[in-house]
Amino acid sequence: MTLNLDKNTTGLLLVDPYNDFLSEGGILYPHIKKVSEEVNLIENLKSIVQSCRSREIRVFFVLHRRWRKERYENWKNYAPTQAKSRDIKLFADGEWGGEFHPSFQPQNEDVIVQEHWAQSGFANTDLDMLLKKFGVTKIILIGLRVNTCIESTARFGMELGYEVVLVKDATAGFSWDEMNASHDINAPTYAHHLLDTKSLLKIIT
């Protein structure tokens, strides 16, 4: 399938660019550090975001629900990752860890999507509605984490009829086992295009 990234039909989904993931001192930074450094994650994310903005491809901030005590009290069926997020106060609302990394601050034309509760940026949010309102039919997935929010959002997007572009070195996991499973085994079942940053930038520019 030929990939044509027209600005009128393409959206960039920047998933969870929080300090807790991307910044030294963040709660999950020690887990993501090794792989993110090996793929040059921060620079790749910056290059893609900057290139998309310069070509008027709209950026959508697809965000995990920030922790607040009342948001996770008295649930009857926590998923394991939700229980862990509750316990470590991940992406705490109003705290540094729940703020965006300094390199990824929203601009005027960007869209902030409702925060998702678990892993899919589509489930129980307004992402699908917003993409349709802006005429987006193709979604580029970058950000974190490769085998959770990236994969779940991309799968859901494929199910909804979007053309899915996954950028291998613009996401990261806690290990190369996670990366390899997501890219080599799972991605071919939902991604229409599996590219690296260099290849994507050639198409955009």
Protein backbone atom coordinates (compact mmCIF):
# COMPACT_ATOMS: atom_id res chain seq x y z
CA MET A 1 0.00 0.00 0.00
CA THR A 2 1.37 3.39 -1.02
CA LEU A 3 1.55 5.89 1.82
CA ASN A 4 0.40 9.45 1.08
CA LEU A 5 0.37 11.75 4.09
CA ASP A 6 -1.80 14.62 2.96
CA LYS A 7 -2.17 17.34 5.59
CA ASN A 8 -5.95 17.37 5.21
CA THR A 9 -6.42 13.68 6.02
CA THR A 10 -3.48 12.88 8.32
CA GLY A 11 -3.19 13.26 12.08
CA LEU A 12 -0.19 12.73 14.33
CA LEU A 13 -1.07 10.98 17.59
CA LEU A 14 1.49 11.89 20.25
CA VAL A 15 0.82 9.45 23.08
CA ASP A 16 1.66 10.20 26.74
CA PRO A 17 4.57 12.66 26.46
CA TYR A 18 4.68 13.02 30.25
CA ASN A 19 7.70 13.75 32.43
CA ASP A 20 7.06 10.49 34.28
CA PHE A 21 7.97 8.69 31.06
CA LEU A 22 10.44 10.94 29.27
CA SER A 23 12.33 12.99 31.87
CA GLU A 24 15.14 12.10 34.27
CA GLY A 25 13.47 11.68 37.65
CA GLY A 26 10.19 10.47 36.20
CA ILE A 27 8.55 7.44 37.79
CA LEU A 28 8.82 5.26 34.68
CA TYR A 29 11.93 6.85 33.21
CA PRO A 30 14.33 4.24 34.64
CA HIS A 31 12.30 1.49 32.96
CA ILE A 32 12.14 3.19 29.57
CA LYS A 33 15.61 4.75 29.56
CA LYS A 34 17.66 1.95 27.98
CA VAL A 35 15.45 1.34 24.97
CA SER A 36 14.58 5.01 24.50
CA GLU A 37 18.24 5.98 24.36
CA GLU A 38 19.08 3.16 21.97
CA VAL A 39 16.36 4.21 19.51
CA ASN A 40 17.08 7.94 20.02
CA LEU A 41 13.48 8.41 21.11
CA ILE A 42 13.44 12.04 22.23
CA GLU A 43 15.15 13.35 19.09
CA ASN A 44 12.96 11.22 16.84
CA LEU A 45 9.80 12.45 18.56
CA LYS A 46 10.96 16.05 18.27
CA SER A 47 11.81 15.66 14.57
CA ILE A 48 8.44 14.11 13.76
CA VAL A 49 6.40 16.64 15.73
CA GLN A 50 8.31 19.57 14.24
CA SER A 51 8.05 18.22 10.71
CA CYS A 52 4.32 17.55 11.03
CA ARG A 53 3.66 21.02 12.37
CA SER A 54 5.71 22.62 9.59
CA ARG A 55 3.62 20.68 7.03
CA GLU A 56 0.36 21.55 8.80
CA ILE A 57 -0.33 17.97 9.84
CA ARG A 58 -2.35 18.35 13.02
CA VAL A 59 -0.94 17.01 16.29
CA PHE A 60 -3.29 15.25 18.71
CA PHE A 61 -2.12 14.82 22.32
CA VAL A 62 -3.42 11.37 23.31
CA LEU A 63 -3.07 11.20 27.07
CA HIS A 64 -3.35 8.72 29.89
CA ARG A 65 -5.61 9.70 32.78
CA ARG A 66 -3.61 11.65 35.35
CA TRP A 67 -3.67 10.19 38.86
CA ARG A 68 -5.89 11.73 41.47
CA LYS A 69 -6.94 9.85 44.58
CA GLU A 70 -10.66 10.09 43.96
CA ARG A 71 -10.30 8.75 40.42
CA TYR A 72 -9.18 5.31 41.56
CA GLU A 73 -10.98 4.81 44.87
CA ASN A 74 -13.30 1.85 45.49
CA TRP A 75 -13.07 0.27 42.05
CA LYS A 76 -14.13 -3.40 41.98
CA ASN A 77 -12.09 -4.65 39.05
CA TYR A 78 -8.74 -2.92 38.56
CA ALA A 79 -6.72 -4.09 35.62
CA PRO A 80 -3.18 -4.94 36.77
CA THR A 81 -1.69 -1.86 35.09
CA GLN A 82 -4.39 0.36 36.59
CA ALA A 83 -3.71 -0.98 40.07
CA LYS A 84 0.00 -0.29 39.59
CA SER A 85 -0.69 3.23 38.31
CA ARG A 86 -2.86 3.88 41.35
CA ASP A 87 -0.20 2.64 43.75
CA ILE A 88 2.68 4.65 42.27
CA LYS A 89 0.53 7.74 41.58
CA LEU A 90 1.51 7.75 37.92
CA PHE A 91 1.17 11.02 35.99
CA ALA A 92 -0.13 12.76 39.10
CA ASP A 93 -2.46 15.65 38.32
CA GLY A 94 -0.92 18.98 39.32
CA GLU A 95 2.54 17.51 39.87
CA TRP A 96 5.69 17.55 37.75
CA GLY A 97 5.39 13.92 36.67
CA GLY A 98 1.97 14.60 35.17
CA GLU A 99 3.20 17.57 33.14
CA PHE A 100 4.39 17.32 29.55
CA HIS A 101 8.09 16.96 28.78
CA PRO A 102 9.52 20.42 27.99
CA SER A 103 10.09 19.48 24.33
CA PHE A 104 6.45 18.55 23.81
CA GLN A 105 4.32 21.51 24.77
CA PRO A 106 0.98 21.96 22.98
CA GLN A 107 0.79 24.66 20.31
CA ASN A 108 -2.25 26.62 19.19
CA GLU A 109 -3.24 24.24 16.40
CA ASP A 110 -2.76 21.08 18.46
CA VAL A 111 -5.69 19.13 19.87
CA ILE A 112 -5.83 17.84 23.46
CA VAL A 113 -7.86 14.63 23.60
CA GLN A 114 -9.80 13.47 26.65
CA GLU A 115 -7.58 11.36 28.88
CA HIS A 116 -7.99 7.60 28.56
CA TRP A 117 -8.40 5.35 31.58
CA ALA A 118 -6.37 2.32 30.56
CA GLN A 119 -4.49 1.76 27.30
CA SER A 120 -6.56 2.73 24.26
CA GLY A 121 -6.70 6.40 23.36
CA PHE A 122 -10.05 5.72 21.70
CA ALA A 123 -11.92 3.92 24.48
CA ASN A 124 -14.23 6.26 26.43
CA THR A 125 -12.65 9.41 24.95
CA ASP A 126 -13.46 11.91 22.20
CA LEU A 127 -10.52 10.93 19.96
CA ASP A 128 -12.59 9.28 17.24
CA MET A 129 -15.02 12.21 17.13
CA LEU A 130 -12.22 14.78 16.96
CA LEU A 131 -10.38 12.95 14.19
CA LYS A 132 -13.58 12.79 12.17
CA LYS A 133 -14.33 16.47 12.79
CA PHE A 134 -10.94 17.38 11.34
CA GLY A 135 -11.31 14.98 8.41
CA VAL A 136 -8.50 12.66 9.51
CA THR A 137 -8.45 9.17 7.99
CA LYS A 138 -4.76 8.32 8.53
CA ILE A 139 -3.12 8.26 11.96
CA ILE A 140 0.60 8.27 12.77
CA LEU A 141 1.36 6.69 16.16
CA ILE A 142 4.32 7.87 18.24
CA GLY A 143 5.04 8.05 21.96
CA LEU A 144 4.68 5.58 24.81
CA ARG A 145 4.48 2.74 25.64
CA VAL A 146 4.90 0.45 22.68
CA ASN A 147 3.02 -2.65 23.90
CA THR A 148 0.31 -0.85 25.88
CA CYS A 149 -1.08 2.53 24.84
CA ILE A 150 0.55 2.63 21.41
CA GLU A 151 -0.54 -0.86 20.44
CA SER A 152 -4.04 -0.56 21.94
CA THR A 153 -4.70 2.80 20.31
CA ALA A 154 -3.41 1.61 16.96
CA ARG A 155 -5.50 -1.58 17.08
CA PHE A 156 -8.64 0.35 18.02
CA GLY A 157 -7.93 2.85 15.24
CA MET A 158 -7.65 0.06 12.68
CA GLU A 159 -10.95 -1.40 13.88
CA LEU A 160 -12.58 2.01 13.38
CA GLY A 161 -11.33 2.21 9.81
CA TYR A 162 -8.28 4.45 10.10
CA GLU A 163 -5.13 3.86 8.07
CA VAL A 164 -2.51 3.22 10.75
CA VAL A 165 1.14 4.27 10.54
CA LEU A 166 3.41 3.01 13.33
CA VAL A 167 6.88 4.52 13.70
CA LYS A 168 9.20 1.92 15.22
CA ASP A 169 11.91 4.17 16.64
CA ALA A 170 9.52 6.87 17.83
CA THR A 171 8.22 4.69 20.63
CA ALA A 172 9.84 2.58 23.32
CA GLY A 173 9.20 -0.19 25.82
CA PHE A 174 10.64 -1.49 29.05
CA SER A 175 12.68 -4.07 27.12
CA TRP A 176 13.60 -5.15 23.62
CA ASP A 177 11.35 -8.17 24.10
CA GLU A 178 8.40 -5.76 24.29
CA MET A 179 9.62 -3.86 21.23
CA ASN A 180 10.23 -6.97 19.15
CA ALA A 181 6.92 -8.57 20.06
CA SER A 182 5.02 -5.38 19.26
CA HIS A 183 6.77 -4.70 15.96
CA ASP A 184 7.51 -8.16 14.59
CA ILE A 185 4.53 -10.18 15.82
CA ASN A 186 1.66 -7.83 16.63
CA ALA A 187 2.03 -4.80 14.36
CA PRO A 188 1.42 -6.68 11.10
CA THR A 189 -2.08 -7.51 12.36
CA TYR A 190 -3.16 -3.86 12.67
CA ALA A 191 -0.61 -1.44 11.15
CA HIS A 192 -0.91 -0.62 7.47
CA HIS A 193 2.60 0.88 7.51
CA LEU A 194 5.53 0.12 9.82
CA LEU A 195 8.28 2.70 9.32
CA ASP A 196 11.28 4.25 11.02
CA THR A 197 11.62 7.99 11.61
CA LYS A 198 13.93 8.60 8.68
CA SER A 199 11.52 6.98 6.24
CA LEU A 200 8.54 8.84 7.66
CA LEU A 201 10.27 12.22 7.42
CA LYS A 202 11.09 11.59 3.76
CA ILE A 203 7.40 11.11 3.05
CA ILE A 204 6.30 14.13 5.09
CA THR A 205 8.91 16.49 3.66
